[in-house]
Amino acid sequence: MSKWILMPDSFKGTMSSLEICQLMREALLRHVPDAEVVSIPVADGGEGSVEAFLAAMGGHRVEVPCTGPDFRKISGFYGLLADGYTAVIEMAAAAGLPLMDGRLCAEGATTYGVGELILAAIRDGARRIILGLGGSATNDGGCGCAAALGVRFLDGTGAEYVPVGGTLDRLCRIDMSHRSPLLNGVEIVTMCDVDNPLCGPNGASAVFGPQKGADPDMVTRLDRNLRHLSEVIRQDLGREIADLPGAGAAGGMGAGVMAFLGSRLQMGIETVLDTVGFDALLPGATAVLTGEGRIDCQSLRGKVVIGIAHRARQARVPVV
């Protein structure tokens, strides 16, 4: 009996990675009826990540009341994996573009609900959080998420408030002393597949702001406000985050998770490979079958196909 590992990314706009795994399996078994097939659908941290991890690892989806990107109450969710201590959260479940119902407002959207999902997962027993960045409607530098976790943001009068992209310029001080003690000892790994800095022509506002409803004038304001946030972070937290690769992901959420949660940013495929124990699956495998919606220069920057190929090459297992 031969062993085959199926590990495709989604083909965006066409099929999910789970659907592709099913089609691959059917085709493979027609040609190799006695094959041992290991199916591992992959998502990059955006929408569908929870379902992909649950399909690959087992576990269950947990529905959670939380705050949506426009501050309305919604039903969000996360996945608690079968190991009982790993939770997968996609920020789009609480701060995603579709949740704005067409009323896009990058200056007014919040990540507050993402912090609520993190707290809910920890209360459910999670000691390791895999947080996927992608598909966000927000540009608040992750301040909303941090506020839900107890971080206090103070304006010039000393009043506490929850900053959004349009009000970051009011920020004068960040107080970490009330950050939830539930976070202590919890590992947070953030899946991030872009390397944009926080500000500037390649930053969060300039690159991703227009898809969130920002016109050129708003992009300028949002960029200036994120620059101000980085200066207050440097002043109060002693961290230089503005130019770190990935800081500009998801409206500056990349910077926020590093500054406020002490999280590390990791390419999505590396997180998936580590979580599913990919290296241990490779010995004895005939081949790994993978794919994505389009193979181009971005594929070489750590996306799914090249990430799998790097690992499989070390084990001398062919990749198709």
C-alpha atoms as a PDB file:
ATOM      1  CA  MET A   1       0.000   0.000   0.000  1.00  0.00           C
ATOM      2  CA  SER A   2       1.305   3.445  -0.940  1.00  0.00           C
ATOM      3  CA  LYS A   3       0.772   6.612   1.118  1.00  0.00           C
ATOM      4  CA  TRP A   4      -0.237   9.878  -0.515  1.00  0.00           C
ATOM      5  CA  ILE A   5      -0.564  13.254   1.226  1.00  0.00           C
ATOM      6  CA  LEU A   6      -3.102  15.716  -0.210  1.00  0.00           C
ATOM      7  CA  MET A   7      -2.435  19.283   0.904  1.00  0.00           C
ATOM      8  CA  PRO A   8      -3.901  21.964  -1.391  1.00  0.00           C
ATOM      9  CA  ASP A   9      -4.586  25.595  -0.662  1.00  0.00           C
ATOM     10  CA  SER A  10      -7.975  26.937  -1.696  1.00  0.00           C
ATOM     11  CA  PHE A  11      -8.447  27.933  -5.331  1.00  0.00           C
ATOM     12  CA  LYS A  12      -9.914  31.331  -4.473  1.00  0.00           C
ATOM     13  CA  GLY A  13     -13.178  32.092  -6.220  1.00  0.00           C
ATOM     14  CA  THR A  14     -13.459  28.488  -7.378  1.00  0.00           C
ATOM     15  CA  MET A  15     -13.139  25.803  -4.691  1.00  0.00           C
ATOM     16  CA  SER A  16     -12.214  25.523  -1.056  1.00  0.00           C
ATOM     17  CA  SER A  17      -9.240  23.442  -0.024  1.00  0.00           C
ATOM     18  CA  LEU A  18     -11.633  20.907   1.517  1.00  0.00           C
ATOM     19  CA  GLU A  19     -13.455  20.485  -1.808  1.00  0.00           C
ATOM     20  CA  ILE A  20     -10.167  20.080  -3.662  1.00  0.00           C
ATOM     21  CA  CYS A  21      -9.024  17.410  -1.198  1.00  0.00           C
ATOM     22  CA  GLN A  22     -12.227  15.472  -1.828  1.00  0.00           C
ATOM     23  CA  LEU A  23     -11.804  15.648  -5.621  1.00  0.00           C
ATOM     24  CA  MET A  24      -8.132  14.684  -5.399  1.00  0.00           C
ATOM     25  CA  ARG A  25      -8.990  11.714  -3.194  1.00  0.00           C
ATOM     26  CA  GLU A  26     -11.673  10.445  -5.588  1.00  0.00           C
ATOM     27  CA  ALA A  27      -9.349  10.711  -8.593  1.00  0.00           C
ATOM     28  CA  LEU A  28      -6.396   9.141  -6.793  1.00  0.00           C
ATOM     29  CA  LEU A  29      -8.402   6.140  -5.597  1.00  0.00           C
ATOM     30  CA  ARG A  30      -9.598   5.469  -9.140  1.00  0.00           C
ATOM     31  CA  HIS A  31      -5.981   4.956 -10.159  1.00  0.00           C
ATOM     32  CA  VAL A  32      -4.565   3.563  -6.901  1.00  0.00           C
ATOM     33  CA  PRO A  33      -7.490   1.792  -5.192  1.00  0.00           C
ATOM     34  CA  ASP A  34      -5.484   0.606  -2.179  1.00  0.00           C
ATOM     35  CA  ALA A  35      -3.791   3.946  -1.505  1.00  0.00           C
ATOM     36  CA  GLU A  36      -3.536   5.291   2.016  1.00  0.00           C
ATOM     37  CA  VAL A  37      -4.735   8.878   1.621  1.00  0.00           C
ATOM     38  CA  VAL A  38      -3.941  11.619   4.143  1.00  0.00           C
ATOM     39  CA  SER A  39      -6.017  14.753   3.418  1.00  0.00           C
ATOM     40  CA  ILE A  40      -4.942  18.070   4.937  1.00  0.00           C
ATOM     41  CA  PRO A  41      -6.906  21.051   3.602  1.00  0.00           C
ATOM     42  CA  VAL A  42      -5.021  24.329   4.033  1.00  0.00           C
ATOM     43  CA  ALA A  43      -6.152  27.903   4.657  1.00  0.00           C
ATOM     44  CA  ASP A  44      -3.873  30.920   4.959  1.00  0.00           C
ATOM     45  CA  GLY A  45      -5.455  32.593   7.963  1.00  0.00           C
ATOM     46  CA  GLY A  46      -8.380  34.251   6.219  1.00  0.00           C
ATOM     47  CA  GLU A  47     -11.945  33.035   5.896  1.00  0.00           C
ATOM     48  CA  GLY A  48     -12.175  29.255   5.973  1.00  0.00           C
ATOM     49  CA  SER A  49      -9.168  28.747   8.234  1.00  0.00           C
ATOM     50  CA  VAL A  50     -11.201  27.387  11.134  1.00  0.00           C
ATOM     51  CA  GLU A  51     -12.985  24.855   8.938  1.00  0.00           C
ATOM     52  CA  ALA A  52      -9.711  23.782   7.315  1.00  0.00           C
ATOM     53  CA  PHE A  53      -8.006  23.154  10.658  1.00  0.00           C
ATOM     54  CA  LEU A  54     -11.019  21.287  12.034  1.00  0.00           C
ATOM     55  CA  ALA A  55     -11.150  19.098   8.918  1.00  0.00           C
ATOM     56  CA  ALA A  56      -7.444  18.306   9.211  1.00  0.00           C
ATOM     57  CA  MET A  57      -7.154  17.938  12.980  1.00  0.00           C
ATOM     58  CA  GLY A  58     -10.627  17.275  14.362  1.00  0.00           C
ATOM     59  CA  GLY A  59     -12.354  19.330  17.023  1.00  0.00           C
ATOM     60  CA  HIS A  60     -15.429  21.496  17.021  1.00  0.00           C
ATOM     61  CA  ARG A  61     -16.646  24.967  16.163  1.00  0.00           C
ATOM     62  CA  VAL A  62     -17.716  27.229  19.030  1.00  0.00           C
ATOM     63  CA  GLU A  63     -20.203  30.066  18.480  1.00  0.00           C
ATOM     64  CA  VAL A  64     -19.557  33.211  20.541  1.00  0.00           C
ATOM     65  CA  PRO A  65     -21.553  36.461  20.853  1.00  0.00           C
ATOM     66  CA  CYS A  66     -19.128  39.297  20.119  1.00  0.00           C
ATOM     67  CA  THR A  67     -18.770  42.815  18.758  1.00  0.00           C
ATOM     68  CA  GLY A  68     -18.744  43.169  14.989  1.00  0.00           C
ATOM     69  CA  PRO A  69     -16.543  45.586  13.034  1.00  0.00           C
ATOM     70  CA  ASP A  70     -19.284  48.257  13.121  1.00  0.00           C
ATOM     71  CA  PHE A  71     -19.797  47.783  16.895  1.00  0.00           C
ATOM     72  CA  ARG A  72     -23.068  45.881  16.449  1.00  0.00           C
ATOM     73  CA  LYS A  73     -23.442  42.618  18.356  1.00  0.00           C
ATOM     74  CA  ILE A  74     -22.980  39.557  16.145  1.00  0.00           C
ATOM     75  CA  SER A  75     -22.372  35.826  16.479  1.00  0.00           C
ATOM     76  CA  GLY A  76     -18.703  35.057  15.948  1.00  0.00           C
ATOM     77  CA  PHE A  77     -16.895  31.725  16.250  1.00  0.00           C
ATOM     78  CA  TYR A  78     -13.608  29.927  16.718  1.00  0.00           C
ATOM     79  CA  GLY A  79     -12.440  26.328  16.430  1.00  0.00           C
ATOM     80  CA  LEU A  80     -11.242  24.278  19.390  1.00  0.00           C
ATOM     81  CA  LEU A  81      -9.044  21.484  18.042  1.00  0.00           C
ATOM     82  CA  ALA A  82      -9.254  17.900  19.214  1.00  0.00           C
ATOM     83  CA  ASP A  83      -6.208  18.276  21.451  1.00  0.00           C
ATOM     84  CA  GLY A  84      -8.382  20.438  23.713  1.00  0.00           C
ATOM     85  CA  TYR A  85      -5.809  23.203  24.161  1.00  0.00           C
ATOM     86  CA  THR A  86      -5.368  24.707  20.668  1.00  0.00           C
ATOM     87  CA  ALA A  87      -7.904  27.233  19.392  1.00  0.00           C
ATOM     88  CA  VAL A  88      -8.015  28.615  15.861  1.00  0.00           C
ATOM     89  CA  ILE A  89      -9.418  32.107  15.397  1.00  0.00           C
ATOM     90  CA  GLU A  90      -9.806  33.874  12.076  1.00  0.00           C
ATOM     91  CA  MET A  91     -10.151  37.601  12.692  1.00  0.00           C
ATOM     92  CA  ALA A  92     -12.597  37.813   9.791  1.00  0.00           C
ATOM     93  CA  ALA A  93     -15.147  36.040  12.020  1.00  0.00           C
ATOM     94  CA  ALA A  94     -15.427  39.191  14.127  1.00  0.00           C
ATOM     95  CA  ALA A  95     -13.918  41.941  11.972  1.00  0.00           C
ATOM     96  CA  GLY A  96     -14.391  40.776   8.378  1.00  0.00           C
ATOM     97  CA  LEU A  97     -15.419  42.843   5.372  1.00  0.00           C
ATOM     98  CA  PRO A  98     -18.712  40.946   4.778  1.00  0.00           C
ATOM     99  CA  LEU A  99     -19.841  41.807   8.325  1.00  0.00           C
ATOM    100  CA  MET A 100     -20.054  45.494   7.344  1.00  0.00           C
ATOM    101  CA  ASP A 101     -23.067  44.696   5.119  1.00  0.00           C
ATOM    102  CA  GLY A 102     -21.755  46.950   2.382  1.00  0.00           C
ATOM    103  CA  ARG A 103     -21.321  49.956   4.690  1.00  0.00           C
ATOM    104  CA  LEU A 104     -17.526  50.009   4.552  1.00  0.00           C
ATOM    105  CA  CYS A 105     -15.825  52.505   6.849  1.00  0.00           C
ATOM    106  CA  ALA A 106     -12.115  51.919   7.425  1.00  0.00           C
ATOM    107  CA  GLU A 107     -11.980  54.912   9.774  1.00  0.00           C
ATOM    108  CA  GLY A 108     -14.717  53.599  12.057  1.00  0.00           C
ATOM    109  CA  ALA A 109     -14.273  49.807  12.065  1.00  0.00           C
ATOM    110  CA  THR A 110     -13.025  47.935  15.131  1.00  0.00           C
ATOM    111  CA  THR A 111     -11.219  44.703  15.986  1.00  0.00           C
ATOM    112  CA  TYR A 112     -12.801  44.637  19.458  1.00  0.00           C
ATOM    113  CA  GLY A 113     -14.642  41.386  18.729  1.00  0.00           C
ATOM    114  CA  VAL A 114     -11.377  39.607  17.929  1.00  0.00           C
ATOM    115  CA  GLY A 115     -10.228  40.211  21.494  1.00  0.00           C
ATOM    116  CA  GLU A 116     -13.547  38.857  22.747  1.00  0.00           C
ATOM    117  CA  LEU A 117     -13.021  35.666  20.732  1.00  0.00           C
ATOM    118  CA  ILE A 118      -9.528  35.260  22.200  1.00  0.00           C
ATOM    119  CA  LEU A 119     -10.870  35.584  25.758  1.00  0.00           C
ATOM    120  CA  ALA A 120     -13.689  33.131  25.038  1.00  0.00           C
ATOM    121  CA  ALA A 121     -11.244  30.549  23.677  1.00  0.00           C
ATOM    122  CA  ILE A 122      -8.970  30.879  26.710  1.00  0.00           C
ATOM    123  CA  ARG A 123     -11.939  30.483  29.062  1.00  0.00           C
ATOM    124  CA  ASP A 124     -12.793  27.342  27.087  1.00  0.00           C
ATOM    125  CA  GLY A 125      -9.402  25.880  28.003  1.00  0.00           C
ATOM    126  CA  ALA A 126      -7.187  27.001  25.111  1.00  0.00           C
ATOM    127  CA  ARG A 127      -3.519  27.480  25.995  1.00  0.00           C
ATOM    128  CA  ARG A 128      -2.384  27.984  22.413  1.00  0.00           C
ATOM    129  CA  ILE A 129      -4.133  30.384  20.054  1.00  0.00           C
ATOM    130  CA  ILE A 130      -3.606  30.311  16.292  1.00  0.00           C
ATOM    131  CA  LEU A 131      -4.837  33.695  15.055  1.00  0.00           C
ATOM    132  CA  GLY A 132      -5.378  34.158  11.337  1.00  0.00           C
ATOM    133  CA  LEU A 133      -5.073  37.635   9.829  1.00  0.00           C
ATOM    134  CA  GLY A 134      -6.954  38.370   6.647  1.00  0.00           C
ATOM    135  CA  GLY A 135     -10.182  39.677   5.192  1.00  0.00           C
ATOM    136  CA  SER A 136     -10.512  42.471   7.744  1.00  0.00           C
ATOM    137  CA  ALA A 137     -12.621  45.614   7.428  1.00  0.00           C
ATOM    138  CA  THR A 138     -10.465  47.414   9.978  1.00  0.00           C
ATOM    139  CA  ASN A 139      -7.546  49.828  10.163  1.00  0.00           C
ATOM    140  CA  ASP A 140      -7.201  50.296  13.930  1.00  0.00           C
ATOM    141  CA  GLY A 141      -3.757  48.746  14.459  1.00  0.00           C
ATOM    142  CA  GLY A 142      -5.301  46.025  16.602  1.00  0.00           C
ATOM    143  CA  CYS A 143      -6.232  48.537  19.321  1.00  0.00           C
ATOM    144  CA  GLY A 144      -9.834  47.356  19.513  1.00  0.00           C
ATOM    145  CA  CYS A 145      -8.685  43.777  20.092  1.00  0.00           C
ATOM    146  CA  ALA A 146      -6.268  44.942  22.778  1.00  0.00           C
ATOM    147  CA  ALA A 147      -8.960  47.049  24.466  1.00  0.00           C
ATOM    148  CA  ALA A 148     -11.205  43.979  24.749  1.00  0.00           C
ATOM    149  CA  LEU A 149      -8.281  42.248  26.472  1.00  0.00           C
ATOM    150  CA  GLY A 150      -7.943  45.006  29.066  1.00  0.00           C
ATOM    151  CA  VAL A 151      -5.323  47.286  27.530  1.00  0.00           C
ATOM    152  CA  ARG A 152      -6.282  50.911  28.264  1.00  0.00           C
ATOM    153  CA  PHE A 153      -5.974  53.639  25.617  1.00  0.00           C
ATOM    154  CA  LEU A 154      -6.035  57.183  26.976  1.00  0.00           C
ATOM    155  CA  ASP A 155      -6.572  60.477  25.159  1.00  0.00           C
ATOM    156  CA  GLY A 156      -5.157  63.911  26.010  1.00  0.00           C
ATOM    157  CA  THR A 157      -7.641  64.425  28.851  1.00  0.00           C
ATOM    158  CA  GLY A 158      -6.774  61.072  30.413  1.00  0.00           C
ATOM    159  CA  ALA A 159     -10.104  59.574  29.339  1.00  0.00           C
ATOM    160  CA  GLU A 160     -10.135  55.934  28.268  1.00  0.00           C
ATOM    161  CA  TYR A 161     -11.551  55.102  24.843  1.00  0.00           C
ATOM    162  CA  VAL A 162     -11.497  52.391  22.181  1.00  0.00           C
ATOM    163  CA  PRO A 163      -9.484  53.738  19.240  1.00  0.00           C
ATOM    164  CA  VAL A 164     -10.493  53.110  15.638  1.00  0.00           C
ATOM    165  CA  GLY A 165      -8.579  54.077  12.538  1.00  0.00           C
ATOM    166  CA  GLY A 166     -10.052  57.567  12.492  1.00  0.00           C
ATOM    167  CA  THR A 167      -9.371  58.353  16.165  1.00  0.00           C
ATOM    168  CA  LEU A 168      -5.840  57.025  16.676  1.00  0.00           C
ATOM    169  CA  ASP A 169      -4.604  60.609  16.442  1.00  0.00           C
ATOM    170  CA  ARG A 170      -6.257  61.281  19.847  1.00  0.00           C
ATOM    171  CA  LEU A 171      -4.116  58.637  21.535  1.00  0.00           C
ATOM    172  CA  CYS A 172      -1.663  59.941  24.128  1.00  0.00           C
ATOM    173  CA  ARG A 173      -0.915  56.983  26.371  1.00  0.00           C
ATOM    174  CA  ILE A 174      -1.171  53.184  26.450  1.00  0.00           C
ATOM    175  CA  ASP A 175      -1.611  51.466  29.838  1.00  0.00           C
ATOM    176  CA  MET A 176      -0.854  47.735  29.824  1.00  0.00           C
ATOM    177  CA  SER A 177      -1.315  47.271  33.576  1.00  0.00           C
ATOM    178  CA  HIS A 178      -4.926  46.084  33.239  1.00  0.00           C
ATOM    179  CA  ARG A 179      -4.280  43.566  30.468  1.00  0.00           C
ATOM    180  CA  SER A 180      -6.230  40.393  31.258  1.00  0.00           C
ATOM    181  CA  PRO A 181      -4.264  37.945  33.406  1.00  0.00           C
ATOM    182  CA  LEU A 182      -5.973  35.165  31.434  1.00  0.00           C
ATOM    183  CA  LEU A 183      -3.386  35.803  28.722  1.00  0.00           C
ATOM    184  CA  ASN A 184      -0.532  34.796  31.018  1.00  0.00           C
ATOM    185  CA  GLY A 185       1.072  31.572  29.839  1.00  0.00           C
ATOM    186  CA  VAL A 186      -0.996  31.432  26.640  1.00  0.00           C
ATOM    187  CA  GLU A 187       0.976  31.094  23.401  1.00  0.00           C
ATOM    188  CA  ILE A 188      -0.410  33.170  20.542  1.00  0.00           C
ATOM    189  CA  VAL A 189       0.840  32.392  17.043  1.00  0.00           C
ATOM    190  CA  THR A 190      -0.353  34.725  14.302  1.00  0.00           C
ATOM    191  CA  MET A 191      -0.707  33.513  10.730  1.00  0.00           C
ATOM    192  CA  CYS A 192       0.353  36.331   8.424  1.00  0.00           C
ATOM    193  CA  ASP A 193       1.083  35.907   4.729  1.00  0.00           C
ATOM    194  CA  VAL A 194       2.035  39.496   3.865  1.00  0.00           C
ATOM    195  CA  ASP A 195       5.204  41.375   4.759  1.00  0.00           C
ATOM    196  CA  ASN A 196       3.923  44.948   4.492  1.00  0.00           C
ATOM    197  CA  PRO A 197       5.214  47.495   7.024  1.00  0.00           C
ATOM    198  CA  LEU A 198       2.715  49.473   9.100  1.00  0.00           C
ATOM    199  CA  CYS A 199       2.952  52.789   7.257  1.00  0.00           C
ATOM    200  CA  GLY A 200       4.047  54.363   4.002  1.00  0.00           C
ATOM    201  CA  PRO A 201       3.345  53.510   0.356  1.00  0.00           C
ATOM    202  CA  ASN A 202       3.496  49.768   1.081  1.00  0.00           C
ATOM    203  CA  GLY A 203       1.757  50.031   4.448  1.00  0.00           C
ATOM    204  CA  ALA A 204      -1.613  48.935   5.755  1.00  0.00           C
ATOM    205  CA  SER A 205      -3.587  52.019   4.725  1.00  0.00           C
ATOM    206  CA  ALA A 206      -2.138  52.558   1.244  1.00  0.00           C
ATOM    207  CA  VAL A 207      -2.261  48.927   0.135  1.00  0.00           C
ATOM    208  CA  PHE A 208      -5.364  47.576   1.864  1.00  0.00           C
ATOM    209  CA  GLY A 209      -7.336  50.714   2.750  1.00  0.00           C
ATOM    210  CA  PRO A 210      -9.078  51.177  -0.633  1.00  0.00           C
ATOM    211  CA  GLN A 211     -10.697  47.723  -0.469  1.00  0.00           C
ATOM    212  CA  LYS A 212     -12.108  48.771   2.915  1.00  0.00           C
ATOM    213  CA  GLY A 213     -13.773  51.876   1.518  1.00  0.00           C
ATOM    214  CA  ALA A 214     -10.961  54.417   1.964  1.00  0.00           C
ATOM    215  CA  ASP A 215     -10.605  57.161  -0.655  1.00  0.00           C
ATOM    216  CA  PRO A 216      -7.197  58.839  -1.183  1.00  0.00           C
ATOM    217  CA  ASP A 217      -7.787  61.494   1.495  1.00  0.00           C
ATOM    218  CA  MET A 218      -8.861  58.858   4.007  1.00  0.00           C
ATOM    219  CA  VAL A 219      -5.816  56.719   3.165  1.00  0.00           C
ATOM    220  CA  THR A 220      -3.610  59.692   4.027  1.00  0.00           C
ATOM    221  CA  ARG A 221      -5.360  60.210   7.369  1.00  0.00           C
ATOM    222  CA  LEU A 222      -5.301  56.519   8.243  1.00  0.00           C
ATOM    223  CA  ASP A 223      -1.614  56.244   7.419  1.00  0.00           C
ATOM    224  CA  ARG A 224      -0.796  59.309   9.527  1.00  0.00           C
ATOM    225  CA  ASN A 225      -2.806  57.893  12.449  1.00  0.00           C
ATOM    226  CA  LEU A 226      -1.053  54.521  12.323  1.00  0.00           C
ATOM    227  CA  ARG A 227       2.280  56.334  12.313  1.00  0.00           C
ATOM    228  CA  HIS A 228       1.141  58.166  15.451  1.00  0.00           C
ATOM    229  CA  LEU A 229       0.146  54.838  17.040  1.00  0.00           C
ATOM    230  CA  SER A 230       3.618  53.458  16.371  1.00  0.00           C
ATOM    231  CA  GLU A 231       5.154  56.489  18.075  1.00  0.00           C
ATOM    232  CA  VAL A 232       3.004  56.033  21.194  1.00  0.00           C
ATOM    233  CA  ILE A 233       3.884  52.315  21.236  1.00  0.00           C
ATOM    234  CA  ARG A 234       7.574  53.231  21.083  1.00  0.00           C
ATOM    235  CA  GLN A 235       7.101  55.821  23.839  1.00  0.00           C
ATOM    236  CA  ASP A 236       5.058  53.684  26.263  1.00  0.00           C
ATOM    237  CA  LEU A 237       5.969  50.093  25.410  1.00  0.00           C
ATOM    238  CA  GLY A 238       9.518  50.548  24.165  1.00  0.00           C
ATOM    239  CA  ARG A 239       8.851  48.646  20.962  1.00  0.00           C
ATOM    240  CA  GLU A 240       9.734  49.623  17.401  1.00  0.00           C
ATOM    241  CA  ILE A 241       7.080  47.941  15.263  1.00  0.00           C
ATOM    242  CA  ALA A 242       6.380  50.308  12.340  1.00  0.00           C
ATOM    243  CA  ASP A 243       8.850  48.772   9.892  1.00  0.00           C
ATOM    244  CA  LEU A 244       8.642  45.141  10.958  1.00  0.00           C
ATOM    245  CA  PRO A 245       7.561  42.790   8.131  1.00  0.00           C
ATOM    246  CA  GLY A 246       3.870  41.995   8.521  1.00  0.00           C
ATOM    247  CA  ALA A 247       3.114  44.940  10.816  1.00  0.00           C
ATOM    248  CA  GLY A 248       0.755  46.311   8.168  1.00  0.00           C
ATOM    249  CA  ALA A 249      -1.262  43.120   7.829  1.00  0.00           C
ATOM    250  CA  ALA A 250      -5.021  43.408   8.347  1.00  0.00           C
ATOM    251  CA  GLY A 251      -5.115  47.145   8.935  1.00  0.00           C
ATOM    252  CA  GLY A 252      -2.141  47.116  11.278  1.00  0.00           C
ATOM    253  CA  MET A 253      -3.368  44.121  13.260  1.00  0.00           C
ATOM    254  CA  GLY A 254       0.059  42.579  12.683  1.00  0.00           C
ATOM    255  CA  ALA A 255       1.642  45.435  14.611  1.00  0.00           C
ATOM    256  CA  GLY A 256      -1.007  45.208  17.319  1.00  0.00           C
ATOM    257  CA  VAL A 257      -0.576  41.525  18.090  1.00  0.00           C
ATOM    258  CA  MET A 258       3.189  41.978  18.337  1.00  0.00           C
ATOM    259  CA  ALA A 259       2.986  45.074  20.538  1.00  0.00           C
ATOM    260  CA  PHE A 260       0.031  44.222  22.787  1.00  0.00           C
ATOM    261  CA  LEU A 261      -0.016  40.411  22.843  1.00  0.00           C
ATOM    262  CA  GLY A 262       3.646  39.551  22.393  1.00  0.00           C
ATOM    263  CA  SER A 263       2.683  37.303  19.495  1.00  0.00           C
ATOM    264  CA  ARG A 264       5.037  36.237  16.756  1.00  0.00           C
ATOM    265  CA  LEU A 265       4.033  36.455  13.097  1.00  0.00           C
ATOM    266  CA  GLN A 266       4.497  33.295  11.086  1.00  0.00           C
ATOM    267  CA  MET A 267       3.716  32.366   7.497  1.00  0.00           C
ATOM    268  CA  GLY A 268       0.408  30.545   7.420  1.00  0.00           C
ATOM    269  CA  ILE A 269       1.754  27.405   5.794  1.00  0.00           C
ATOM    270  CA  GLU A 270       4.501  27.054   8.411  1.00  0.00           C
ATOM    271  CA  THR A 271       1.856  27.254  11.149  1.00  0.00           C
ATOM    272  CA  VAL A 272      -0.260  24.602   9.427  1.00  0.00           C
ATOM    273  CA  LEU A 273       2.702  22.274   8.809  1.00  0.00           C
ATOM    274  CA  ASP A 274       3.779  22.496  12.442  1.00  0.00           C
ATOM    275  CA  THR A 275       0.269  22.044  13.829  1.00  0.00           C
ATOM    276  CA  VAL A 276      -0.606  18.968  11.771  1.00  0.00           C
ATOM    277  CA  GLY A 277       2.790  17.349  12.359  1.00  0.00           C
ATOM    278  CA  PHE A 278       3.620  17.347   8.653  1.00  0.00           C
ATOM    279  CA  ASP A 279       7.253  16.298   9.095  1.00  0.00           C
ATOM    280  CA  ALA A 280       6.182  13.151  10.932  1.00  0.00           C
ATOM    281  CA  LEU A 281       3.753  12.254   8.133  1.00  0.00           C
ATOM    282  CA  LEU A 282       6.361  12.387   5.371  1.00  0.00           C
ATOM    283  CA  PRO A 283       8.359   9.179   5.993  1.00  0.00           C
ATOM    284  CA  GLY A 284       7.117   6.462   3.647  1.00  0.00           C
ATOM    285  CA  ALA A 285       4.983   8.804   1.555  1.00  0.00           C
ATOM    286  CA  THR A 286       4.928   8.227  -2.217  1.00  0.00           C
ATOM    287  CA  ALA A 287       4.220  11.894  -2.941  1.00  0.00           C
ATOM    288  CA  VAL A 288       2.552  15.069  -1.730  1.00  0.00           C
ATOM    289  CA  LEU A 289      -0.100  16.555  -4.028  1.00  0.00           C
ATOM    290  CA  THR A 290      -0.679  20.281  -3.610  1.00  0.00           C
ATOM    291  CA  GLY A 291      -1.803  23.368  -5.510  1.00  0.00           C
ATOM    292  CA  GLU A 292      -3.208  26.868  -5.274  1.00  0.00           C
ATOM    293  CA  GLY A 293      -5.385  29.146  -7.385  1.00  0.00           C
ATOM    294  CA  ARG A 294      -2.459  30.713  -9.185  1.00  0.00           C
ATOM    295  CA  ILE A 295       1.251  29.991  -9.278  1.00  0.00           C
ATOM    296  CA  ASP A 296       3.181  33.242  -9.652  1.00  0.00           C
ATOM    297  CA  CYS A 297       6.038  35.209  -8.071  1.00  0.00           C
ATOM    298  CA  GLN A 298       4.100  35.499  -4.794  1.00  0.00           C
ATOM    299  CA  SER A 299       4.121  31.708  -4.529  1.00  0.00           C
ATOM    300  CA  LEU A 300       7.879  31.853  -3.950  1.00  0.00           C
ATOM    301  CA  ARG A 301       7.506  34.151  -0.911  1.00  0.00           C
ATOM    302  CA  GLY A 302       6.459  31.427   1.479  1.00  0.00           C
ATOM    303  CA  LYS A 303       3.012  30.528   0.215  1.00  0.00           C
ATOM    304  CA  VAL A 304       1.485  27.059   0.500  1.00  0.00           C
ATOM    305  CA  VAL A 305       3.078  25.248  -2.448  1.00  0.00           C
ATOM    306  CA  ILE A 306       6.646  26.413  -1.855  1.00  0.00           C
ATOM    307  CA  GLY A 307       6.348  25.927   1.918  1.00  0.00           C
ATOM    308  CA  ILE A 308       5.311  22.310   1.421  1.00  0.00           C
ATOM    309  CA  ALA A 309       8.009  21.773  -1.204  1.00  0.00           C
ATOM    310  CA  HIS A 310      10.744  22.989   1.148  1.00  0.00           C
ATOM    311  CA  ARG A 311       9.728  20.593   3.914  1.00  0.00           C
ATOM    312  CA  ALA A 312       9.118  17.629   1.616  1.00  0.00           C
ATOM    313  CA  ARG A 313      12.444  18.086  -0.178  1.00  0.00           C
ATOM    314  CA  GLN A 314      14.301  17.637   3.122  1.00  0.00           C
ATOM    315  CA  ALA A 315      12.566  14.257   3.510  1.00  0.00           C
ATOM    316  CA  ARG A 316      13.163  13.376  -0.171  1.00  0.00           C
ATOM    317  CA  VAL A 317       9.439  13.026  -0.842  1.00  0.00           C
ATOM    318  CA  PRO A 318       8.312  14.196  -4.317  1.00  0.00           C
ATOM    319  CA  VAL A 319       5.819  17.063  -4.576  1.00  0.00           C
ATOM    320  CA  VAL A 320       3.352  17.310  -7.445  1.00  0.00           C
END
